[in-house]
Protein backbone atom coordinates (compact mmCIF):
# COMPACT_ATOMS: atom_id res chain seq x y z
CA MET A 1 -2.99 89.46 15.51
CA LYS A 2 -6.73 88.77 14.59
CA ILE A 3 -7.96 86.68 11.56
CA VAL A 4 -10.64 88.22 9.67
CA LEU A 5 -12.71 86.90 7.08
CA TYR A 6 -13.88 89.77 4.47
CA ASN A 7 -16.43 89.72 1.27
CA LEU A 8 -14.78 92.52 -0.57
CA ASP A 9 -15.67 94.54 -4.17
CA PHE A 10 -13.33 96.70 -5.70
CA ARG A 11 -13.82 100.18 -7.78
CA PHE A 12 -10.21 101.85 -9.00
CA SER A 13 -10.81 105.53 -9.75
CA ASN A 14 -13.30 106.38 -13.02
CA ARG A 15 -13.16 103.21 -14.11
CA TYR A 16 -15.34 100.23 -13.25
CA PHE A 17 -13.80 96.75 -12.77
CA ILE A 18 -16.49 94.66 -11.44
CA PHE A 19 -14.60 91.65 -9.95
CA PRO A 20 -16.11 88.46 -8.53
CA LEU A 21 -16.98 88.39 -5.27
CA PHE A 22 -14.37 86.35 -3.56
CA SER A 23 -13.46 85.62 0.15
CA PHE A 24 -9.54 86.20 1.27
CA LEU A 25 -7.80 86.78 4.14
CA LEU A 26 -5.88 90.18 4.67
CA LEU A 27 -3.22 90.38 7.46
CA VAL A 28 -3.92 94.07 7.35
CA PRO A 29 -4.92 97.31 9.31
CA LYS A 30 -8.78 96.85 9.38
CA SER A 31 -9.05 100.81 8.29
CA LYS A 32 -7.82 100.08 4.61
CA ILE A 33 -10.07 97.86 3.88
CA TYR A 34 -13.14 98.48 2.12
CA GLY A 35 -16.37 95.96 2.68
CA SER A 36 -18.35 94.28 5.28
CA GLU A 37 -16.80 92.16 7.70
CA LEU A 38 -17.90 88.22 7.88
CA LYS A 39 -16.33 86.12 10.83
CA THR A 40 -13.01 86.56 12.59
CA TYR A 41 -10.81 83.11 13.82
CA ASN A 42 -8.33 82.39 16.58
CA GLN A 43 -4.96 80.88 15.23
CA PRO A 44 -5.41 76.89 16.35
CA VAL A 45 -2.45 76.02 18.81
CA ILE A 46 -1.52 72.27 18.93
CA THR A 47 -0.23 71.65 22.53
CA ASP A 48 0.04 67.65 22.10
CA ILE A 49 -0.39 64.69 20.41
CA LEU A 50 -1.24 61.39 22.18
CA PRO A 51 0.52 59.16 21.88
CA ASN A 52 3.35 60.36 19.71
CA SER A 53 4.59 57.17 18.30
CA ALA A 54 1.89 54.95 16.48
CA GLN A 55 1.78 52.29 13.58
CA ALA A 56 -0.12 52.70 10.59
CA GLY A 57 -4.04 52.22 11.23
CA SER A 58 -4.36 53.57 14.65
CA ILE A 59 -5.99 56.70 16.19
CA ILE A 60 -4.13 59.23 17.77
CA SER A 61 -5.43 62.37 19.53
CA VAL A 62 -4.75 65.99 18.59
CA LEU A 63 -4.91 68.24 21.68
CA GLY A 64 -4.92 72.23 21.59
CA THR A 65 -6.88 75.45 20.96
CA ASP A 66 -8.88 76.88 18.73
CA LEU A 67 -8.88 73.23 16.40
CA GLY A 68 -12.29 73.85 14.80
CA THR A 69 -10.55 75.36 11.47
CA ILE A 70 -8.46 72.40 10.97
CA LEU A 71 -9.09 70.45 7.55
CA ASN A 72 -6.01 68.69 7.14
CA VAL A 73 -3.37 66.65 9.25
CA ASP A 74 -0.31 65.58 6.69
CA PHE A 75 2.70 63.05 7.34
CA PRO A 76 5.68 62.48 5.51
CA SER A 77 5.72 60.30 2.81
CA VAL A 78 8.22 57.73 2.08
CA PHE A 79 7.49 58.27 -1.51
CA VAL A 80 10.06 60.47 -3.36
CA ASN A 81 7.61 62.34 -5.81
CA GLN A 82 5.02 62.86 -2.86
CA VAL A 83 5.87 65.11 0.03
CA ASN A 84 2.78 64.31 2.34
CA ALA A 85 0.53 61.73 2.77
CA THR A 86 -2.88 62.97 3.85
CA THR A 87 -5.13 61.09 6.25
CA SER A 88 -8.36 61.55 7.30
CA ILE A 89 -9.37 63.36 10.38
CA SER A 90 -12.51 63.88 12.93
CA VAL A 91 -13.24 66.87 14.81
CA MET A 92 -14.29 66.46 17.81
CA GLY A 93 -14.32 70.29 19.02
CA GLU A 94 -12.44 72.96 19.46
CA ASN A 95 -9.92 71.15 21.57
CA LEU A 96 -9.48 67.66 20.19
CA ILE A 97 -9.48 66.05 16.77
CA LEU A 98 -8.58 62.39 16.06
CA VAL A 99 -6.29 61.32 13.03
CA LYS A 100 -6.17 58.44 11.67
CA ILE A 101 -2.19 56.95 10.77
CA PRO A 102 -2.12 56.19 7.36
CA SER A 103 0.54 54.04 5.65
CA TYR A 104 3.49 54.29 3.55
CA ILE A 105 4.74 57.16 6.15
CA LYS A 106 7.67 58.19 8.12
CA SER A 107 9.09 59.89 11.24
CA GLY A 108 8.87 63.60 11.22
CA LEU A 109 7.05 67.06 11.51
CA LEU A 110 3.09 66.63 11.39
CA THR A 111 2.19 69.37 8.93
CA ILE A 112 -1.37 70.95 10.15
CA SER A 113 -3.40 73.12 8.10
CA GLY A 114 -6.81 74.78 8.16
CA ILE A 115 -9.49 77.19 6.92
CA SER A 116 -8.56 79.41 4.33
CA GLN A 117 -5.00 77.80 4.94
CA ILE A 118 -4.66 78.79 8.29
CA ALA A 119 -0.80 77.80 9.28
CA VAL A 120 -0.18 76.12 12.30
CA SER A 121 3.12 74.98 13.67
CA PRO A 122 4.35 71.54 12.72
CA ILE A 123 4.72 69.11 15.49
CA SER A 124 6.96 65.75 15.41
CA PHE A 125 5.46 62.55 15.49
CA ASN A 126 7.25 59.14 15.41
CA TYR A 127 6.07 56.46 13.38
CA LEU A 128 5.84 53.01 14.51
CA LYS A 129 6.68 50.18 11.64
CA LYS A 130 4.50 47.00 12.08
CA ALA A 131 6.72 43.55 13.02
CA GLN A 132 6.86 40.78 10.37
CA THR A 133 5.69 37.40 10.68
CA ILE A 134 6.87 34.52 9.14
CA ILE A 135 4.55 31.69 9.09
CA GLY A 136 5.55 27.70 8.81
CA ILE A 137 8.32 27.46 10.59
CA ASN A 138 9.56 27.70 14.29
CA GLU A 139 12.67 29.17 16.25
CA GLY A 140 14.29 26.62 18.05
CA THR A 141 14.45 22.68 17.53
CA THR A 142 11.57 20.61 15.72
CA ALA A 143 11.77 16.72 15.52
CA LEU A 144 10.18 15.21 12.74
CA GLN A 145 9.73 11.92 11.44
CA PHE A 146 10.55 11.08 7.76
CA GLY A 147 7.62 11.02 5.72
CA ALA A 148 5.87 14.19 7.17
CA ALA A 149 3.90 16.36 5.10
CA ALA A 150 5.79 19.46 3.02
CA PHE A 151 5.06 22.69 4.73
CA THR A 152 5.18 26.18 2.95
CA ILE A 153 6.87 29.24 4.58
CA THR A 154 4.74 32.61 4.18
CA GLY A 155 4.77 35.66 5.55
CA ASN A 156 1.99 38.58 6.95
CA ASN A 157 3.16 41.35 4.71
CA VAL A 158 2.17 41.81 1.33
CA GLU A 159 5.03 44.40 0.97
CA ASN A 160 7.36 41.65 1.25
CA ASN A 161 8.30 38.20 0.31
CA VAL A 162 9.95 35.34 2.53
CA VAL A 163 13.70 34.56 1.51
CA ILE A 164 14.47 30.99 2.04
CA ASN A 165 18.06 30.09 3.04
CA ALA A 166 18.86 26.04 3.75
CA SER A 167 21.55 23.63 5.04
CA SER A 168 21.57 20.10 5.91
CA THR A 169 23.93 17.18 7.44
CA PRO A 170 24.13 15.10 5.04
CA SER A 171 24.82 18.31 2.77
CA GLN A 172 21.51 16.42 0.24
CA GLY A 173 19.02 14.24 0.48
CA VAL A 174 17.24 15.36 3.81
CA ILE A 175 15.10 18.29 2.34
CA SER A 176 14.46 19.89 -1.05
CA ILE A 177 12.87 23.42 -1.23
CA VAL A 178 10.69 24.21 -4.22
CA GLY A 179 9.35 27.57 -3.94
CA ASN A 180 8.36 28.43 -0.52
CA THR A 181 7.50 24.77 0.10
CA ILE A 182 9.95 22.32 2.16
CA LYS A 183 9.78 18.59 1.68
CA ILE A 184 11.13 15.83 3.65
CA ILE A 185 13.47 13.68 1.68
CA GLY A 186 15.60 11.92 4.05
CA ILE A 187 16.71 11.46 7.54
CA GLY A 188 19.48 13.85 8.89
CA SER A 189 19.49 17.78 10.43
CA ALA A 190 18.40 20.73 8.35
CA SER A 191 18.34 24.34 8.94
CA ILE A 192 16.08 26.87 7.54
CA THR A 193 16.17 30.54 7.72
CA GLY A 194 13.29 32.71 6.71
CA SER A 195 13.70 36.57 6.36
CA MET A 196 11.74 39.39 5.61
CA ALA A 197 13.51 42.88 5.29
CA ILE A 198 12.88 46.07 6.18
CA SER A 199 9.63 47.64 4.03
CA PRO A 200 8.12 51.19 4.35
CA ASN A 201 5.50 49.68 7.36
CA TYR A 202 7.39 46.77 8.44
CA GLU A 203 10.57 45.80 10.55
CA ALA A 204 13.11 43.49 8.93
CA VAL A 205 12.62 39.71 10.52
CA ASN A 206 14.49 36.70 10.69
CA ILE A 207 13.44 33.27 11.78
CA THR A 208 15.91 30.31 12.19
CA SER A 209 14.57 26.83 12.40
CA TYR A 210 16.60 23.41 13.17
CA LEU A 211 15.05 20.41 12.13
CA GLU A 212 15.99 16.87 13.08
CA ILE A 213 14.49 14.50 10.67
CA GLU A 214 14.52 10.73 12.16
CA PRO A 215 13.79 7.18 10.95
CA LEU A 216 9.94 6.55 10.26
CA PRO A 217 9.03 3.00 12.45
CA VAL A 218 7.49 0.52 10.07
CA THR A 219 6.64 -3.18 10.38
CA ILE A 220 7.28 -5.54 7.88
CA THR A 221 5.84 -9.20 7.81
CA SER A 222 6.31 -12.12 5.03
CA PHE A 223 3.19 -14.50 4.69
CA ASN A 224 3.44 -17.76 5.44
CA TYR A 225 3.05 -20.20 2.09
CA SER A 226 2.30 -23.88 1.58
CA LYS A 227 3.49 -26.00 -1.60
CA ILE A 228 4.08 -29.71 -2.87
CA TYR A 229 7.45 -30.92 -3.34
CA GLY A 230 8.04 -30.64 -7.15
CA ILE A 231 6.07 -27.79 -7.70
CA GLU A 232 7.41 -24.21 -8.32
CA ASN A 233 7.59 -21.73 -5.46
CA PRO A 234 4.61 -19.12 -5.29
CA PRO A 235 4.72 -15.56 -5.48
CA ILE A 236 6.34 -14.42 -2.03
CA THR A 237 5.08 -10.92 -0.81
CA GLY A 238 3.98 -9.83 2.79
CA SER A 239 2.69 -6.44 4.13
CA ILE A 240 3.73 -3.49 5.97
CA LEU A 241 2.37 -1.69 8.93
CA GLY A 242 3.48 2.35 9.06
CA ALA A 243 2.94 5.37 6.98
CA ALA A 244 4.67 3.54 3.74
CA SER A 245 4.70 0.76 1.08
CA LEU A 246 6.71 -2.04 0.54
CA ALA A 247 7.97 -0.26 -2.71
CA SER A 248 8.88 2.81 -1.29
CA VAL A 249 10.86 0.86 1.29
CA GLY A 250 12.45 -1.03 -1.41
CA VAL A 251 11.25 -4.41 0.35
CA VAL A 252 12.09 -7.57 -1.59
CA PHE A 253 10.93 -11.30 -0.25
CA TYR A 254 12.70 -14.51 -1.01
CA THR A 255 13.32 -17.97 0.06
CA ASN A 256 16.32 -20.41 -0.67
CA ALA A 257 13.62 -23.72 -0.77
CA THR A 258 13.57 -24.34 -4.55
CA THR A 259 10.99 -26.96 -6.80
CA LEU A 260 13.01 -29.44 -5.87
CA SER A 261 14.01 -28.95 -1.70
CA SER A 262 12.95 -31.53 0.44
CA VAL A 263 10.01 -31.50 2.45
CA GLY A 264 10.00 -29.03 5.56
CA ASP A 265 9.84 -25.82 6.55
CA TYR A 266 12.03 -22.62 4.76
CA PRO A 267 12.23 -19.04 6.37
CA ILE A 268 10.84 -16.34 3.93
CA LEU A 269 13.75 -13.72 4.16
CA ILE A 270 13.46 -10.23 3.60
CA SER A 271 15.96 -7.64 2.04
CA PHE A 272 16.00 -4.38 0.86
CA LEU A 273 16.65 -2.72 -2.64
CA GLY A 274 18.75 0.79 -2.87
CA GLU A 275 19.32 3.02 0.08
CA SER A 276 15.45 4.05 0.83
CA ALA A 277 15.46 1.86 3.68
CA SER A 278 17.96 3.65 5.94
CA ASN A 279 14.91 6.13 6.22
CA TYR A 280 12.89 3.68 8.27
CA ASP A 281 13.57 1.98 11.48
CA ILE A 282 12.57 -1.52 10.57
CA THR A 283 11.24 -4.35 12.49
CA THR A 284 10.67 -7.64 10.25
CA ILE A 285 8.55 -10.94 11.27
CA ALA A 286 10.07 -13.48 8.79
CA GLY A 287 7.10 -15.93 7.27
CA ASN A 288 7.99 -19.60 6.31
CA ILE A 289 6.90 -21.56 3.13
CA THR A 290 6.42 -24.97 3.99
CA ILE A 291 7.00 -27.85 1.59
CA THR A 292 4.82 -30.73 1.82
CA LYS A 293 5.08 -34.41 0.19
CA SER A 294 3.69 -34.77 -3.03
CA ASN A 295 1.36 -37.83 -4.65
CA GLN A 296 2.37 -40.22 -6.76
CA THR A 297 1.06 -43.02 -9.14
CA ILE A 298 2.17 -46.26 -9.99
CA SER A 299 1.90 -47.37 -14.16
CA PHE A 300 1.54 -50.41 -14.64
CA PRO A 301 0.59 -51.90 -18.47
CA SER A 302 -2.07 -54.53 -18.71
CA ILE A 303 -0.52 -58.10 -19.13
CA PRO A 304 -1.63 -60.55 -21.62
CA ASN A 305 -3.20 -64.04 -20.83
CA TYR A 306 -0.53 -66.40 -20.88
CA LYS A 307 -0.65 -70.06 -22.36
CA LEU A 308 1.68 -72.52 -21.05
CA GLY A 309 3.27 -75.38 -23.18
CA ASN A 310 4.49 -78.58 -21.43
CA SER A 311 7.66 -76.57 -20.42
CA VAL A 312 8.23 -73.98 -17.39
CA GLY A 313 7.78 -70.73 -19.28
CA TYR A 314 9.21 -66.89 -19.18
CA LEU A 315 6.84 -63.60 -19.34
CA SER A 316 8.35 -59.95 -19.93
CA VAL A 317 6.12 -57.00 -18.78
CA PHE A 318 7.20 -53.70 -19.75
CA GLY A 319 6.80 -50.05 -18.63
CA ILE A 320 6.29 -50.41 -14.86
CA LYS A 321 7.35 -47.52 -13.23
CA SER A 322 6.42 -44.68 -10.50
CA SER A 323 5.46 -41.06 -11.63
CA SER A 324 8.19 -40.23 -8.58
CA GLY A 325 11.01 -42.33 -10.48
CA LEU A 326 11.39 -44.31 -7.20
CA PRO A 327 11.56 -48.27 -7.62
CA VAL A 328 8.44 -49.81 -7.89
CA GLU A 329 8.22 -53.21 -5.47
CA LEU A 330 6.58 -56.15 -7.05
CA GLU A 331 4.61 -58.66 -5.09
CA ILE A 332 3.28 -61.83 -7.06
CA LYS A 333 0.94 -64.52 -6.11
CA GLY A 334 0.04 -67.91 -7.99
CA LYS A 335 1.62 -69.88 -10.09
CA ALA A 336 4.42 -67.74 -11.40
CA ARG A 337 7.28 -65.87 -9.89
CA LEU A 338 9.42 -63.02 -10.38
CA GLN A 339 12.47 -64.07 -12.10
CA SER A 340 14.03 -60.15 -12.74
CA PHE A 341 12.96 -56.68 -12.40
CA GLU A 342 14.96 -53.89 -13.92
CA GLY A 343 14.93 -50.65 -14.75
CA GLU A 344 10.74 -50.60 -15.76
CA VAL A 345 10.97 -54.42 -17.23
CA ALA A 346 9.90 -57.36 -14.91
CA VAL A 347 10.27 -61.06 -15.98
CA LEU A 348 7.92 -63.56 -14.79
CA GLN A 349 8.60 -67.35 -14.59
CA ILE A 350 5.21 -69.20 -15.28
CA ASP A 351 5.38 -72.73 -13.74
CA SER A 352 1.65 -74.21 -14.06
CA LEU A 353 -1.54 -73.25 -14.70
CA GLY A 354 -3.79 -71.24 -13.06
CA ILE A 355 -4.21 -67.21 -11.81
CA VAL A 356 -1.66 -64.80 -11.16
CA SER A 357 -2.02 -61.86 -8.91
CA ILE A 358 0.89 -59.26 -9.50
CA SER A 359 0.59 -55.96 -7.32
CA GLY A 360 3.09 -53.13 -8.21
CA SER A 361 3.48 -50.71 -4.74
CA GLN A 362 5.81 -47.91 -3.79
CA SER A 363 6.07 -46.86 -0.15
CA GLY A 364 7.40 -43.30 -0.95
CA ASN A 365 9.98 -41.41 0.93
CA GLU A 366 10.80 -38.45 2.82
CA ASN A 367 9.49 -36.13 -0.03
CA PHE A 368 6.42 -38.64 -1.79
CA ASN A 369 3.71 -39.95 -0.01
CA ALA A 370 2.99 -43.62 -0.69
CA ALA A 371 1.48 -44.87 -4.34
CA PRO A 372 -1.65 -46.28 -3.89
CA VAL A 373 -0.99 -49.96 -4.99
CA VAL A 374 -1.90 -51.57 -8.58
CA LEU A 375 -2.76 -55.07 -9.46
CA ARG A 376 -2.84 -56.97 -12.12
CA LEU A 377 -4.39 -60.61 -12.74
CA LEU A 378 -2.70 -62.96 -15.18
CA GLU A 379 -4.73 -66.21 -16.43
CA ILE A 380 -2.25 -69.13 -17.18
CA THR A 381 -4.23 -71.41 -19.49
CA SER A 382 -2.39 -74.63 -21.21
CA SER A 383 -1.79 -74.09 -25.01
CA ILE A 384 -3.34 -76.79 -25.78
CA SER A 385 -6.47 -75.98 -23.96
CA ASP A 386 -9.85 -75.46 -25.86
CA THR A 387 -11.18 -73.26 -23.50
CA ASN A 388 -11.97 -69.72 -24.84
CA GLU A 389 -12.05 -68.28 -21.44
CA THR A 390 -10.59 -65.00 -20.83
CA ILE A 391 -9.05 -62.58 -18.19
CA ASP A 392 -9.69 -58.78 -19.13
CA THR A 393 -6.06 -57.98 -17.16
CA SER A 394 -6.77 -54.45 -18.19
CA LYS A 395 -8.51 -53.57 -15.00
CA THR A 396 -6.60 -52.27 -12.16
CA LEU A 397 -7.36 -53.00 -8.70
CA ALA A 398 -6.54 -50.55 -6.01
CA LEU A 399 -6.19 -52.71 -2.54
CA THR A 400 -8.38 -49.55 -1.20
CA HIS A 401 -11.11 -50.25 -3.04
CA PHE A 402 -13.40 -53.70 -3.52
CA ASN A 403 -15.17 -52.85 -6.66
CA ILE A 404 -14.26 -52.02 -10.02
CA GLY A 405 -17.22 -50.75 -12.60
CA GLU A 406 -20.07 -48.72 -12.00
CA ARG A 407 -21.64 -50.44 -9.68
CA ALA A 408 -20.95 -53.33 -6.62
CA LEU A 409 -20.34 -56.81 -8.20
CA ALA A 410 -20.53 -58.40 -4.74
CA TYR A 411 -22.75 -57.48 -2.12
CA PRO A 412 -21.89 -56.56 0.91
CA ASN A 413 -18.46 -56.72 0.80
CA PRO A 414 -17.00 -56.84 3.02
CA SER A 415 -18.81 -60.07 3.89
CA ASN A 416 -18.54 -62.44 6.67
CA GLY A 417 -18.68 -65.29 3.69
CA ASN A 418 -22.35 -65.04 2.39
CA PHE A 419 -22.72 -62.76 -0.45
CA HIS A 420 -24.67 -62.02 -3.22
CA VAL A 421 -23.35 -61.50 -7.13
CA ASP A 422 -24.62 -59.21 -9.46
CA ALA A 423 -24.25 -61.59 -12.46
CA ALA A 424 -26.70 -62.10 -15.23
CA ILE A 425 -28.53 -65.44 -15.61
CA ASN A 426 -26.25 -68.00 -16.95
CA SER A 427 -23.06 -65.97 -16.71
CA THR A 428 -20.00 -67.58 -15.45
CA ILE A 429 -18.63 -67.17 -11.67
CA LYS A 430 -15.39 -67.94 -10.82
CA ILE A 431 -14.07 -67.57 -7.70
CA ILE A 432 -9.91 -67.27 -7.13
CA ASN A 433 -8.18 -66.95 -4.20
CA THR A 434 -4.64 -64.68 -3.81
CA LEU A 435 -2.58 -67.91 -4.41
CA GLY A 436 -4.19 -68.36 -7.63
CA ASP A 437 -6.36 -71.28 -6.70
CA VAL A 438 -10.03 -71.88 -7.70
CA GLU A 439 -12.64 -71.99 -5.09
CA LEU A 440 -15.93 -71.98 -7.25
CA ILE A 441 -16.71 -72.24 -10.74
CA ALA A 442 -20.34 -71.98 -11.18
CA VAL A 443 -23.11 -70.83 -13.41
CA ASN A 444 -25.64 -68.15 -12.34
CA LYS A 445 -29.11 -70.34 -13.04
CA ASN A 446 -30.84 -69.46 -10.18
CA PRO A 447 -29.60 -66.12 -8.34
CA GLN A 448 -28.72 -67.20 -4.72
CA PRO A 449 -26.09 -66.42 -2.05
CA ILE A 450 -22.61 -67.66 -2.62
CA LEU A 451 -21.11 -68.96 0.76
CA ILE A 452 -16.84 -69.04 1.28
CA HIS A 453 -15.95 -70.42 4.04
CA ASN A 454 -11.95 -69.29 4.77
CA LYS A 455 -11.38 -65.78 5.70
CA GLY A 456 -9.21 -63.63 2.98
CA ILE A 457 -9.11 -61.90 -0.23
CA TYR A 458 -10.60 -63.44 -3.10
CA PHE A 459 -11.17 -62.36 -6.98
CA LEU A 460 -14.35 -62.46 -8.53
CA ILE A 461 -14.90 -63.38 -12.11
CA ILE A 462 -17.68 -62.93 -14.09
CA SER A 463 -18.29 -63.75 -17.85
CA SER A 464 -20.89 -63.41 -20.05
CA GLY A 465 -20.76 -63.79 -23.27
CA ASN A 466 -17.86 -61.53 -24.74
CA SER A 467 -17.23 -59.52 -21.59
CA GLN A 468 -16.07 -60.00 -18.18
CA ARG A 469 -15.79 -58.01 -14.54
CA VAL A 470 -13.64 -58.66 -12.17
CA ALA A 471 -13.79 -57.62 -8.27
CA LYS A 472 -11.99 -58.10 -5.36
CA VAL A 473 -14.14 -59.60 -2.16
CA ALA A 474 -12.88 -59.55 1.48
CA ILE A 475 -14.18 -62.26 3.73
CA GLU A 476 -13.74 -61.63 7.17
């Protein structure tokens, strides 16, 4: 049958009805139509669709004859209130048109229409849905270490959300899920399934990933420390090597050494609080705290000069002690003897006139160093003597030093026996040996070197007016 397009102007009987000029198709014999013929079209024929199955967005070729009049190609819609989904076409000629596959359609018959609603027999088409992709997990088993970064599971389909289901061994404490984010919170095994349901343009998908969470290797080292006996322990800490902190592992450093622990090396031990440490493969390197000896001093009060009568005298000296609490040893040279020494009180027996040297020492023990020796000088004079000469016994002499005061009283010191004395004109110079015997008494009228022939330790007492200075001189 031919399809003819006419431009018609109708008049009925004696009444004139002028209709607007319009175009339409008539499938009636030509002899009964009055007007002028414009154009004749043949019926389009569809012979094939290539490919017959395609996804949304793909271009298919519609093959046939007389396709130049085709205006629309409609696909069955997935929406209830929309019968067809219209798409764009490109007419390439009488035998070919190109059609872009729309979204939200389904398989079925394509409806094709052309100029002036020329009907074309429908042809079957198979709509292929796209595959959905879940991003963030992989099928199979994945090994991770505790402390691995959190990860998020998403999909490539905006029409669908990813549904996540998970289980773990132990049942709690391996992973946590907040929204679509997975966080590693412990060691163990976990199974994570991500699902996306079927949608208009996508097929359903399920992916299951198995996680094996292993302990995180860390190395914990305690620092080394040193302290003095009797002093409190310093704060003890250490370092950690690995992607963790001491606090997150729950590390505690401690030692069995105390303030009064004896001198020696003590290990610094490492322990852990709570259950956090079970998530780590821990290597420990223990340090030491080294306790060294403490210094000590001797407290030795000054001794007043003693005036001896006609009989033996006794002098008590109080407050002789060491800072360590260890007993002080006394050595007495000169005209006196140690009668007794109990606690902090020493009793001296005074036998005769002269100079007495009393040295206090403490040799130390396993926890204390030896104390510097403290020396006291005691001058014993007669109670009937008219001498006004006194010795300042508040002077404390350490045996490791030869001088007391701001400058040297004798130089060179030690000497070979020939030395100079720093003394004012008319001052009195007295030299006494360690037995308390006076070796020399001189008045410094004309400063000149002093000569002593015997080797040994001597005490030099320089008196000028109301003042005295004391020094120790070594003759070698």
